[in-house]
Amino acid sequence: MLRRILHSPGWTDAVLLVQWEVARRRAAIGGATMMTAQWWPWFEFGLVRKVSASSFRPRPSVDGGLMTIRRRAEPLIDAADRRRYQAMVHQVFTGRGHGIAQILARRLPPASVRNWLRNNKVGPKALPRDLSAENWAELFELATTRSPSNLPAS
């Protein structure tokens, strides 16, 4: 359901009632998931509040979470680059290494990685889930300007 909403054009704001853990993951509470990172350049995800399972009849086995999705007025990345960007996020999330510096060093020049880490105030042992939407957009920019051949084709 969520993927269908994200792929649908024409809407700007959505309010969803989903399982509590789904709402937390989409809002990047405790770290971003790959799915959240893959859509961040075009959407902002928010967590409004927890809705107790006791609020429903019949009572579900888990609490609900009220979340929001807002389409960014100014996307962080051009929509034409969506597939390449999402493939890059997948590569980083599934990449080998102990920390973002090692993961990126397999795809980008080490000096570029060090500069990106410093400029974005990201520690070398940070995990992909620790990056912000802006970090991901900057990383995509770096990857497309420094090493476009390491990114999947559009």
N, C-alpha and C. Protein backbone atom coordinates (compact mmCIF):
# COMPACT_ATOMS: atom_id res chain seq x y z
N MET A 1 0.83 -1.19 0.00
CA MET A 1 0.00 0.00 0.00
C MET A 1 0.87 1.25 0.00
N LEU A 2 1.88 1.27 0.86
CA LEU A 2 2.73 2.45 0.96
C LEU A 2 3.51 2.69 -0.34
N ARG A 3 4.02 1.64 -0.93
CA ARG A 3 4.75 1.79 -2.21
C ARG A 3 3.82 2.33 -3.29
N ARG A 4 2.59 1.87 -3.32
CA ARG A 4 1.63 2.37 -4.31
C ARG A 4 1.39 3.86 -4.12
N ILE A 5 1.24 4.28 -2.89
CA ILE A 5 1.04 5.71 -2.60
C ILE A 5 2.25 6.51 -3.07
N LEU A 6 3.45 6.04 -2.75
CA LEU A 6 4.66 6.78 -3.12
C LEU A 6 4.84 6.88 -4.63
N HIS A 7 4.41 5.87 -5.35
CA HIS A 7 4.52 5.88 -6.82
C HIS A 7 3.43 6.71 -7.49
N SER A 8 2.36 7.02 -6.77
CA SER A 8 1.23 7.73 -7.37
C SER A 8 1.52 9.23 -7.50
N PRO A 9 1.24 9.80 -8.67
CA PRO A 9 1.46 11.24 -8.86
C PRO A 9 0.27 12.07 -8.37
N GLY A 10 0.50 13.36 -8.24
CA GLY A 10 -0.60 14.29 -8.05
C GLY A 10 -1.00 14.64 -6.63
N TRP A 11 -0.56 13.93 -5.63
CA TRP A 11 -0.94 14.25 -4.26
C TRP A 11 0.23 14.96 -3.56
N THR A 12 -0.09 15.70 -2.52
CA THR A 12 0.97 16.43 -1.79
C THR A 12 1.10 16.00 -0.35
N ASP A 13 0.00 15.60 0.29
CA ASP A 13 0.02 15.25 1.71
C ASP A 13 -0.81 14.00 1.96
N ALA A 14 -0.31 13.16 2.85
CA ALA A 14 -1.05 11.96 3.23
C ALA A 14 -0.93 11.77 4.74
N VAL A 15 -1.98 11.29 5.35
CA VAL A 15 -2.00 10.92 6.76
C VAL A 15 -2.43 9.46 6.79
N LEU A 16 -1.58 8.62 7.38
CA LEU A 16 -1.84 7.19 7.38
C LEU A 16 -1.83 6.64 8.80
N LEU A 17 -2.69 5.67 9.04
CA LEU A 17 -2.68 4.92 10.28
C LEU A 17 -2.16 3.53 9.94
N VAL A 18 -0.97 3.23 10.45
CA VAL A 18 -0.30 1.97 10.16
C VAL A 18 0.18 1.36 11.48
N GLN A 19 0.78 0.19 11.41
CA GLN A 19 1.35 -0.38 12.62
C GLN A 19 2.41 0.56 13.18
N TRP A 20 2.51 0.61 14.50
CA TRP A 20 3.43 1.50 15.19
C TRP A 20 4.86 1.36 14.68
N GLU A 21 5.35 0.16 14.54
CA GLU A 21 6.73 -0.03 14.09
C GLU A 21 6.93 0.42 12.65
N VAL A 22 5.93 0.25 11.82
CA VAL A 22 6.02 0.75 10.44
C VAL A 22 6.12 2.27 10.44
N ALA A 23 5.30 2.92 11.23
CA ALA A 23 5.34 4.39 11.32
C ALA A 23 6.70 4.87 11.83
N ARG A 24 7.23 4.20 12.84
CA ARG A 24 8.55 4.57 13.38
C ARG A 24 9.65 4.39 12.34
N ARG A 25 9.61 3.28 11.62
CA ARG A 25 10.65 3.03 10.59
C ARG A 25 10.56 4.05 9.47
N ARG A 26 9.36 4.36 8.99
CA ARG A 26 9.22 5.34 7.91
C ARG A 26 9.72 6.71 8.36
N ALA A 27 9.48 7.07 9.61
CA ALA A 27 9.91 8.38 10.12
C ALA A 27 11.37 8.37 10.56
N ALA A 28 12.06 7.26 10.35
CA ALA A 28 13.49 7.12 10.66
C ALA A 28 13.79 7.27 12.14
N ILE A 29 12.87 6.86 12.99
CA ILE A 29 13.11 6.85 14.43
C ILE A 29 14.03 5.67 14.71
N GLY A 30 15.19 5.93 15.27
CA GLY A 30 16.17 4.88 15.53
C GLY A 30 16.99 4.52 14.30
N GLY A 31 16.89 5.33 13.28
CA GLY A 31 17.65 5.09 12.05
C GLY A 31 16.73 4.87 10.87
N ALA A 32 17.20 5.27 9.71
CA ALA A 32 16.40 5.14 8.49
C ALA A 32 16.48 3.73 7.94
N THR A 33 15.43 3.31 7.31
CA THR A 33 15.44 2.05 6.57
C THR A 33 15.82 2.34 5.13
N MET A 34 16.13 1.30 4.40
CA MET A 34 16.45 1.48 2.99
C MET A 34 15.27 2.12 2.25
N MET A 35 14.05 1.67 2.54
CA MET A 35 12.89 2.23 1.84
C MET A 35 12.73 3.72 2.12
N THR A 36 12.89 4.12 3.36
CA THR A 36 12.79 5.54 3.69
C THR A 36 13.87 6.32 2.94
N ALA A 37 15.10 5.85 3.00
CA ALA A 37 16.20 6.55 2.32
C ALA A 37 15.96 6.61 0.81
N GLN A 38 15.36 5.59 0.24
CA GLN A 38 15.11 5.57 -1.20
C GLN A 38 14.08 6.61 -1.63
N TRP A 39 13.21 7.04 -0.73
CA TRP A 39 12.17 7.99 -1.10
C TRP A 39 12.36 9.39 -0.50
N TRP A 40 13.33 9.56 0.41
CA TRP A 40 13.54 10.85 1.06
C TRP A 40 13.75 12.04 0.13
N PRO A 41 14.41 11.90 -0.98
CA PRO A 41 14.60 13.10 -1.81
C PRO A 41 13.29 13.73 -2.28
N TRP A 42 12.22 12.97 -2.32
CA TRP A 42 10.95 13.46 -2.83
C TRP A 42 9.86 13.59 -1.77
N PHE A 43 10.07 12.96 -0.61
CA PHE A 43 9.04 12.97 0.43
C PHE A 43 9.65 13.18 1.82
N GLU A 44 8.87 13.81 2.70
CA GLU A 44 9.23 13.91 4.11
C GLU A 44 8.25 13.04 4.88
N PHE A 45 8.79 12.22 5.77
CA PHE A 45 7.97 11.31 6.57
C PHE A 45 7.95 11.81 8.01
N GLY A 46 6.77 11.85 8.62
CA GLY A 46 6.67 12.29 10.00
C GLY A 46 5.88 11.32 10.85
N LEU A 47 6.21 11.30 12.12
CA LEU A 47 5.48 10.47 13.08
C LEU A 47 4.67 11.41 13.95
N VAL A 48 3.35 11.23 13.96
CA VAL A 48 2.47 12.11 14.72
C VAL A 48 2.30 11.59 16.14
N ARG A 49 1.85 10.34 16.25
CA ARG A 49 1.66 9.77 17.58
C ARG A 49 1.31 8.30 17.51
N LYS A 50 1.45 7.67 18.66
CA LYS A 50 1.09 6.26 18.82
C LYS A 50 -0.42 6.18 19.10
N VAL A 51 -1.05 5.15 18.55
CA VAL A 51 -2.47 4.90 18.80
C VAL A 51 -2.56 3.52 19.43
N SER A 52 -2.98 3.47 20.67
CA SER A 52 -3.03 2.23 21.42
C SER A 52 -3.93 1.19 20.76
N ALA A 53 -3.50 -0.03 20.83
CA ALA A 53 -4.31 -1.14 20.30
C ALA A 53 -5.68 -1.18 20.97
N SER A 54 -5.75 -0.71 22.22
CA SER A 54 -7.04 -0.73 22.93
C SER A 54 -8.04 0.27 22.36
N SER A 55 -7.61 1.13 21.43
CA SER A 55 -8.51 2.10 20.79
C SER A 55 -9.36 1.45 19.70
N PHE A 56 -9.07 0.21 19.34
CA PHE A 56 -9.74 -0.45 18.22
C PHE A 56 -10.60 -1.62 18.71
N ARG A 57 -11.66 -1.89 17.96
CA ARG A 57 -12.50 -3.06 18.18
C ARG A 57 -12.68 -3.73 16.84
N PRO A 58 -12.40 -4.97 16.64
CA PRO A 58 -11.69 -5.79 17.62
C PRO A 58 -10.26 -5.28 17.81
N ARG A 59 -9.73 -5.60 18.97
CA ARG A 59 -8.41 -5.13 19.35
C ARG A 59 -7.32 -5.88 18.56
N PRO A 60 -6.47 -5.14 17.84
CA PRO A 60 -5.35 -5.81 17.14
C PRO A 60 -4.26 -6.19 18.14
N SER A 61 -3.30 -6.95 17.69
CA SER A 61 -2.23 -7.40 18.59
C SER A 61 -1.11 -6.35 18.73
N VAL A 62 -1.14 -5.30 17.92
CA VAL A 62 -0.09 -4.28 17.98
C VAL A 62 -0.72 -2.89 18.01
N ASP A 63 0.05 -1.92 18.49
CA ASP A 63 -0.38 -0.53 18.49
C ASP A 63 -0.29 0.03 17.08
N GLY A 64 -1.03 1.08 16.85
CA GLY A 64 -0.99 1.78 15.58
C GLY A 64 -0.12 3.03 15.70
N GLY A 65 0.21 3.57 14.57
CA GLY A 65 0.98 4.81 14.53
C GLY A 65 0.40 5.73 13.47
N LEU A 66 0.17 6.97 13.85
CA LEU A 66 -0.32 7.97 12.91
C LEU A 66 0.90 8.65 12.31
N MET A 67 1.03 8.55 10.98
CA MET A 67 2.19 9.12 10.32
C MET A 67 1.74 10.03 9.17
N THR A 68 2.64 10.91 8.78
CA THR A 68 2.37 11.80 7.66
C THR A 68 3.43 11.61 6.58
N ILE A 69 3.02 11.86 5.37
CA ILE A 69 3.94 11.89 4.25
C ILE A 69 3.64 13.19 3.50
N ARG A 70 4.66 13.96 3.26
CA ARG A 70 4.50 15.22 2.52
C ARG A 70 5.46 15.20 1.34
N ARG A 71 4.93 15.46 0.15
CA ARG A 71 5.78 15.57 -1.04
C ARG A 71 6.56 16.87 -0.93
N ARG A 72 7.85 16.80 -1.14
CA ARG A 72 8.69 18.00 -1.07
C ARG A 72 8.35 18.94 -2.23
N ALA A 73 8.18 20.23 -1.91
CA ALA A 73 7.94 21.22 -2.96
C ALA A 73 9.16 21.32 -3.86
N GLU A 74 10.34 21.22 -3.27
CA GLU A 74 11.61 21.24 -4.00
C GLU A 74 12.34 19.93 -3.72
N PRO A 75 12.24 18.96 -4.61
CA PRO A 75 12.92 17.68 -4.38
C PRO A 75 14.42 17.87 -4.22
N LEU A 76 15.04 16.99 -3.45
CA LEU A 76 16.49 17.05 -3.26
C LEU A 76 17.23 16.49 -4.47
N ILE A 77 16.55 15.67 -5.26
CA ILE A 77 17.11 15.05 -6.46
C ILE A 77 16.03 15.08 -7.54
N ASP A 78 16.43 15.32 -8.78
CA ASP A 78 15.50 15.35 -9.90
C ASP A 78 14.81 13.99 -10.05
N ALA A 79 13.53 14.03 -10.33
CA ALA A 79 12.75 12.79 -10.46
C ALA A 79 13.28 11.89 -11.57
N ALA A 80 13.90 12.46 -12.58
CA ALA A 80 14.46 11.67 -13.68
C ALA A 80 15.58 10.74 -13.20
N ASP A 81 16.18 11.05 -12.05
CA ASP A 81 17.26 10.25 -11.49
C ASP A 81 16.80 9.25 -10.43
N ARG A 82 15.48 9.11 -10.27
CA ARG A 82 14.96 8.28 -9.17
C ARG A 82 15.48 6.85 -9.20
N ARG A 83 15.43 6.19 -10.32
CA ARG A 83 15.86 4.79 -10.37
C ARG A 83 17.35 4.65 -10.04
N ARG A 84 18.16 5.51 -10.60
CA ARG A 84 19.60 5.46 -10.31
C ARG A 84 19.88 5.76 -8.84
N TYR A 85 19.18 6.76 -8.31
CA TYR A 85 19.36 7.10 -6.89
C TYR A 85 18.94 5.92 -6.01
N GLN A 86 17.77 5.34 -6.26
CA GLN A 86 17.28 4.25 -5.44
C GLN A 86 18.19 3.03 -5.55
N ALA A 87 18.75 2.79 -6.71
CA ALA A 87 19.70 1.68 -6.87
C ALA A 87 20.97 1.96 -6.08
N MET A 88 21.43 3.22 -6.05
CA MET A 88 22.61 3.57 -5.27
C MET A 88 22.37 3.32 -3.77
N VAL A 89 21.19 3.75 -3.30
CA VAL A 89 20.85 3.53 -1.88
C VAL A 89 20.87 2.03 -1.58
N HIS A 90 20.31 1.24 -2.47
CA HIS A 90 20.32 -0.21 -2.27
C HIS A 90 21.75 -0.74 -2.20
N GLN A 91 22.61 -0.27 -3.10
CA GLN A 91 24.00 -0.71 -3.11
C GLN A 91 24.70 -0.36 -1.80
N VAL A 92 24.44 0.82 -1.28
CA VAL A 92 25.10 1.24 -0.04
C VAL A 92 24.55 0.45 1.15
N PHE A 93 23.23 0.30 1.23
CA PHE A 93 22.64 -0.45 2.35
C PHE A 93 23.09 -1.91 2.37
N THR A 94 23.30 -2.47 1.20
CA THR A 94 23.68 -3.89 1.13
C THR A 94 25.18 -4.07 0.92
N GLY A 95 25.92 -2.97 0.87
CA GLY A 95 27.36 -3.05 0.63
C GLY A 95 28.13 -3.63 1.80
N ARG A 96 29.29 -4.19 1.48
CA ARG A 96 30.14 -4.79 2.50
C ARG A 96 31.04 -3.73 3.11
N GLY A 97 31.30 -3.90 4.40
CA GLY A 97 32.19 -2.99 5.10
C GLY A 97 31.71 -2.72 6.50
N HIS A 98 32.63 -2.25 7.33
CA HIS A 98 32.31 -1.90 8.72
C HIS A 98 32.21 -0.39 8.80
N GLY A 99 31.06 0.14 8.45
CA GLY A 99 30.86 1.58 8.48
C GLY A 99 30.81 2.15 7.08
N ILE A 100 30.24 3.34 7.00
CA ILE A 100 29.99 3.98 5.71
C ILE A 100 31.27 4.26 4.93
N ALA A 101 32.37 4.57 5.62
CA ALA A 101 33.63 4.85 4.92
C ALA A 101 34.10 3.62 4.14
N GLN A 102 34.05 2.46 4.75
CA GLN A 102 34.47 1.23 4.06
C GLN A 102 33.51 0.87 2.94
N ILE A 103 32.24 1.05 3.18
CA ILE A 103 31.25 0.72 2.15
C ILE A 103 31.46 1.59 0.92
N LEU A 104 31.65 2.89 1.15
CA LEU A 104 31.81 3.81 0.03
C LEU A 104 33.15 3.67 -0.67
N ALA A 105 34.17 3.28 0.08
CA ALA A 105 35.51 3.15 -0.49
C ALA A 105 35.56 2.10 -1.60
N ARG A 106 34.60 1.21 -1.63
CA ARG A 106 34.54 0.20 -2.70
C ARG A 106 34.01 0.78 -4.00
N ARG A 107 33.41 1.98 -3.94
CA ARG A 107 32.77 2.56 -5.12
C ARG A 107 33.32 3.93 -5.51
N LEU A 108 33.93 4.61 -4.57
CA LEU A 108 34.37 5.98 -4.81
C LEU A 108 35.82 6.17 -4.40
N PRO A 109 36.51 7.16 -4.97
CA PRO A 109 37.89 7.43 -4.58
C PRO A 109 37.98 7.77 -3.08
N PRO A 110 38.97 7.22 -2.38
CA PRO A 110 39.09 7.44 -0.93
C PRO A 110 39.12 8.92 -0.53
N ALA A 111 39.79 9.76 -1.29
CA ALA A 111 39.84 11.19 -0.95
C ALA A 111 38.45 11.81 -1.04
N SER A 112 37.67 11.40 -2.03
CA SER A 112 36.30 11.91 -2.17
C SER A 112 35.44 11.47 -1.00
N VAL A 113 35.62 10.24 -0.57
CA VAL A 113 34.87 9.72 0.57
C VAL A 113 35.23 10.51 1.83
N ARG A 114 36.51 10.72 2.07
CA ARG A 114 36.94 11.47 3.27
C ARG A 114 36.36 12.88 3.26
N ASN A 115 36.40 13.54 2.10
CA ASN A 115 35.84 14.90 2.00
C ASN A 115 34.34 14.89 2.24
N TRP A 116 33.65 13.91 1.66
CA TRP A 116 32.21 13.83 1.86
C TRP A 116 31.87 13.61 3.33
N LEU A 117 32.60 12.71 3.98
CA LEU A 117 32.37 12.45 5.41
C LEU A 117 32.56 13.72 6.22
N ARG A 118 33.67 14.42 5.98
CA ARG A 118 33.97 15.66 6.71
C ARG A 118 32.92 16.74 6.44
N ASN A 119 32.61 16.97 5.17
CA ASN A 119 31.65 18.02 4.80
C ASN A 119 30.25 17.76 5.31
N ASN A 120 29.89 16.50 5.47
CA ASN A 120 28.55 16.14 5.94
C ASN A 120 28.51 15.77 7.42
N LYS A 121 29.66 15.91 8.08
CA LYS A 121 29.76 15.62 9.52
C LYS A 121 29.26 14.20 9.83
N VAL A 122 29.73 13.25 9.02
CA VAL A 122 29.38 11.85 9.18
C VAL A 122 30.64 11.10 9.59
N GLY A 123 30.55 10.33 10.67
CA GLY A 123 31.69 9.54 11.13
C GLY A 123 31.92 8.35 10.22
N PRO A 124 33.16 7.90 10.09
CA PRO A 124 33.46 6.78 9.20
C PRO A 124 32.80 5.47 9.60
N LYS A 125 32.46 5.30 10.86
CA LYS A 125 31.81 4.07 11.33
C LYS A 125 30.28 4.16 11.30
N ALA A 126 29.75 5.31 10.88
CA ALA A 126 28.30 5.45 10.77
C ALA A 126 27.77 4.39 9.81
N LEU A 127 26.54 4.00 10.02
CA LEU A 127 25.88 3.02 9.16
C LEU A 127 24.96 3.74 8.18
N PRO A 128 24.60 3.11 7.08
CA PRO A 128 23.69 3.76 6.14
C PRO A 128 22.41 4.29 6.80
N ARG A 129 21.92 3.58 7.80
CA ARG A 129 20.69 4.03 8.49
C ARG A 129 20.88 5.35 9.23
N ASP A 130 22.14 5.73 9.51
CA ASP A 130 22.42 6.94 10.26
C ASP A 130 22.43 8.20 9.40
N LEU A 131 22.39 8.05 8.09
CA LEU A 131 22.46 9.20 7.19
C LEU A 131 21.11 9.91 7.11
N SER A 132 21.15 11.21 6.88
CA SER A 132 19.93 12.01 6.72
C SER A 132 19.56 12.09 5.24
N ALA A 133 18.40 12.65 4.97
CA ALA A 133 17.97 12.84 3.58
C ALA A 133 18.98 13.69 2.83
N GLU A 134 19.47 14.72 3.47
CA GLU A 134 20.44 15.61 2.85
C GLU A 134 21.77 14.90 2.60
N ASN A 135 22.19 14.04 3.55
CA ASN A 135 23.41 13.25 3.35
C ASN A 135 23.28 12.37 2.11
N TRP A 136 22.14 11.72 1.95
CA TRP A 136 21.93 10.84 0.81
C TRP A 136 21.96 11.63 -0.49
N ALA A 137 21.33 12.80 -0.51
CA ALA A 137 21.34 13.62 -1.73
C ALA A 137 22.76 14.05 -2.08
N GLU A 138 23.54 14.45 -1.08
CA GLU A 138 24.94 14.83 -1.31
C GLU A 138 25.76 13.64 -1.79
N LEU A 139 25.49 12.48 -1.24
CA LEU A 139 26.21 11.28 -1.65
C LEU A 139 25.89 10.94 -3.11
N PHE A 140 24.64 11.08 -3.50
CA PHE A 140 24.27 10.82 -4.89
C PHE A 140 24.98 11.81 -5.81
N GLU A 141 25.02 13.05 -5.42
CA GLU A 141 25.73 14.07 -6.21
C GLU A 141 27.20 13.70 -6.36
N LEU A 142 27.82 13.29 -5.26
CA LEU A 142 29.22 12.87 -5.31
C LEU A 142 29.39 11.66 -6.23
N ALA A 143 28.52 10.69 -6.09
CA ALA A 143 28.64 9.47 -6.88
C ALA A 143 28.44 9.73 -8.37
N THR A 144 27.55 10.65 -8.71
CA THR A 144 27.29 10.91 -10.13
C THR A 144 28.36 11.79 -10.75
N THR A 145 29.01 12.63 -9.96
CA THR A 145 30.05 13.49 -10.52
C THR A 145 31.42 12.84 -10.46
N ARG A 146 31.68 12.01 -9.46
CA ARG A 146 33.00 11.40 -9.29
C ARG A 146 33.14 10.04 -9.95
N SER A 147 32.07 9.29 -9.94
CA SER A 147 32.21 7.91 -10.43
C SER A 147 30.89 7.41 -11.03
N PRO A 148 30.38 8.08 -12.08
CA PRO A 148 29.08 7.70 -12.62
C PRO A 148 29.03 6.27 -13.15
N SER A 149 30.15 5.70 -13.51
CA SER A 149 30.15 4.34 -14.04
C SER A 149 29.85 3.30 -12.96
N ASN A 150 29.96 3.69 -11.70
CA ASN A 150 29.66 2.76 -10.60
C ASN A 150 28.18 2.77 -10.21
N LEU A 151 27.41 3.62 -10.88
CA LEU A 151 25.98 3.67 -10.60
C LEU A 151 25.22 2.92 -11.69
N PRO A 152 24.11 2.30 -11.33
CA PRO A 152 23.31 1.62 -12.35
C PRO A 152 22.79 2.61 -13.37
N ALA A 153 22.57 2.17 -14.58
CA ALA A 153 22.03 3.02 -15.64
C ALA A 153 20.57 3.35 -15.36
N SER A 154 20.10 4.46 -15.90
CA SER A 154 18.72 4.87 -15.71
C SER A 154 17.77 3.90 -16.37
